[in-house]
Amino acid sequence: DGTSATPDTYVPSASTTTQQPPVTVVPTAPPPSPLPP
C-alpha cells in the first residue's frame, strides 16, 4: 500500500506547479502603480 501512496502524492504536486503561472501575472500589476505617483 505504501508504494501506491507515493505515486498518488506525486500527481497533486504537479498540479500545484501549474497554478504558479497566475502568480507571475501579479508582479506585472505593481509596476504600473509606481508610475502614476
N, C-alpha and C. Protein backbone atom coordinates (compact mmCIF):
# COMPACT_ATOMS: atom_id res chain seq x y z
N ASP A 1 0.84 -1.21 0.00
CA ASP A 1 0.00 0.00 0.00
C ASP A 1 0.88 1.26 0.00
N GLY A 2 1.96 1.19 0.77
CA GLY A 2 2.84 2.36 0.86
C GLY A 2 3.34 2.80 -0.51
N THR A 3 3.57 1.84 -1.42
CA THR A 3 4.09 2.19 -2.75
C THR A 3 3.02 2.92 -3.57
N SER A 4 1.77 2.55 -3.35
CA SER A 4 0.68 3.16 -4.13
C SER A 4 0.48 4.62 -3.71
N ALA A 5 0.78 4.91 -2.45
CA ALA A 5 0.57 6.26 -1.93
C ALA A 5 1.61 7.22 -2.52
N THR A 6 2.80 6.72 -2.81
CA THR A 6 3.87 7.58 -3.34
C THR A 6 3.47 8.21 -4.67
N PRO A 7 3.04 7.40 -5.65
CA PRO A 7 2.64 7.94 -6.96
C PRO A 7 1.46 8.90 -6.84
N ASP A 8 0.53 8.59 -5.94
CA ASP A 8 -0.66 9.45 -5.78
C ASP A 8 -0.26 10.85 -5.30
N THR A 9 0.73 10.89 -4.42
CA THR A 9 1.15 12.18 -3.87
C THR A 9 1.90 13.00 -4.92
N TYR A 10 2.53 12.30 -5.86
CA TYR A 10 3.32 12.99 -6.89
C TYR A 10 2.41 13.72 -7.88
N VAL A 11 1.21 13.16 -8.11
CA VAL A 11 0.28 13.76 -9.08
C VAL A 11 -0.17 15.15 -8.62
N PRO A 12 -0.61 15.29 -7.38
CA PRO A 12 -1.07 16.59 -6.86
C PRO A 12 0.06 17.63 -6.91
N SER A 13 1.27 17.19 -6.66
CA SER A 13 2.42 18.10 -6.66
C SER A 13 2.53 18.83 -8.00
N ALA A 14 2.33 18.08 -9.09
CA ALA A 14 2.45 18.65 -10.44
C ALA A 14 1.35 19.70 -10.65
N SER A 15 0.18 19.46 -10.08
CA SER A 15 -0.95 20.39 -10.26
C SER A 15 -0.62 21.74 -9.62
N THR A 16 0.09 21.70 -8.51
CA THR A 16 0.44 22.95 -7.81
C THR A 16 1.38 23.79 -8.68
N THR A 17 2.23 23.12 -9.45
CA THR A 17 3.18 23.85 -10.29
C THR A 17 2.44 24.59 -11.40
N THR A 18 1.31 24.02 -11.84
CA THR A 18 0.54 24.65 -12.92
C THR A 18 -0.16 25.92 -12.40
N GLN A 19 -0.43 25.95 -11.09
CA GLN A 19 -1.10 27.12 -10.52
C GLN A 19 -0.12 28.28 -10.35
N GLN A 20 1.17 28.00 -10.47
CA GLN A 20 2.19 29.03 -10.29
C GLN A 20 2.09 30.15 -11.33
N PRO A 21 1.82 29.84 -12.60
CA PRO A 21 1.70 30.84 -13.67
C PRO A 21 0.89 32.07 -13.25
N PRO A 22 -0.27 31.87 -12.65
CA PRO A 22 -1.10 33.01 -12.20
C PRO A 22 -0.31 33.99 -11.34
N VAL A 23 0.61 33.46 -10.54
CA VAL A 23 1.40 34.33 -9.65
C VAL A 23 2.25 35.30 -10.46
N THR A 24 2.67 34.87 -11.64
CA THR A 24 3.53 35.73 -12.48
C THR A 24 2.75 36.94 -12.99
N VAL A 25 1.42 36.83 -13.06
CA VAL A 25 0.60 37.93 -13.56
C VAL A 25 0.50 39.03 -12.50
N VAL A 26 0.64 38.66 -11.23
CA VAL A 26 0.54 39.65 -10.14
C VAL A 26 1.68 40.67 -10.21
N PRO A 27 2.93 40.22 -10.36
CA PRO A 27 4.08 41.13 -10.44
C PRO A 27 3.91 42.19 -11.53
N THR A 28 3.18 41.85 -12.58
CA THR A 28 3.00 42.78 -13.70
C THR A 28 2.11 43.97 -13.29
N ALA A 29 1.29 43.80 -12.26
CA ALA A 29 0.38 44.86 -11.84
C ALA A 29 1.11 45.93 -11.00
N PRO A 30 1.97 45.55 -10.08
CA PRO A 30 2.69 46.51 -9.22
C PRO A 30 3.45 47.58 -10.01
N PRO A 31 4.19 47.23 -11.04
CA PRO A 31 4.96 48.21 -11.83
C PRO A 31 4.14 49.44 -12.24
N PRO A 32 2.95 49.26 -12.81
CA PRO A 32 2.10 50.39 -13.23
C PRO A 32 1.71 51.29 -12.06
N SER A 33 1.65 50.73 -10.86
CA SER A 33 1.26 51.52 -9.69
C SER A 33 2.24 52.67 -9.42
N PRO A 34 3.53 52.39 -9.34
CA PRO A 34 4.55 53.43 -9.08
C PRO A 34 4.61 54.48 -10.18
N LEU A 35 4.21 54.15 -11.38
CA LEU A 35 4.28 55.10 -12.50
C LEU A 35 3.43 56.35 -12.25
N PRO A 36 2.18 56.21 -11.84
CA PRO A 36 1.30 57.37 -11.61
C PRO A 36 1.87 58.35 -10.59
N PRO A 37 2.28 57.88 -9.41
CA PRO A 37 2.83 58.78 -8.37
C PRO A 37 4.16 59.38 -8.81
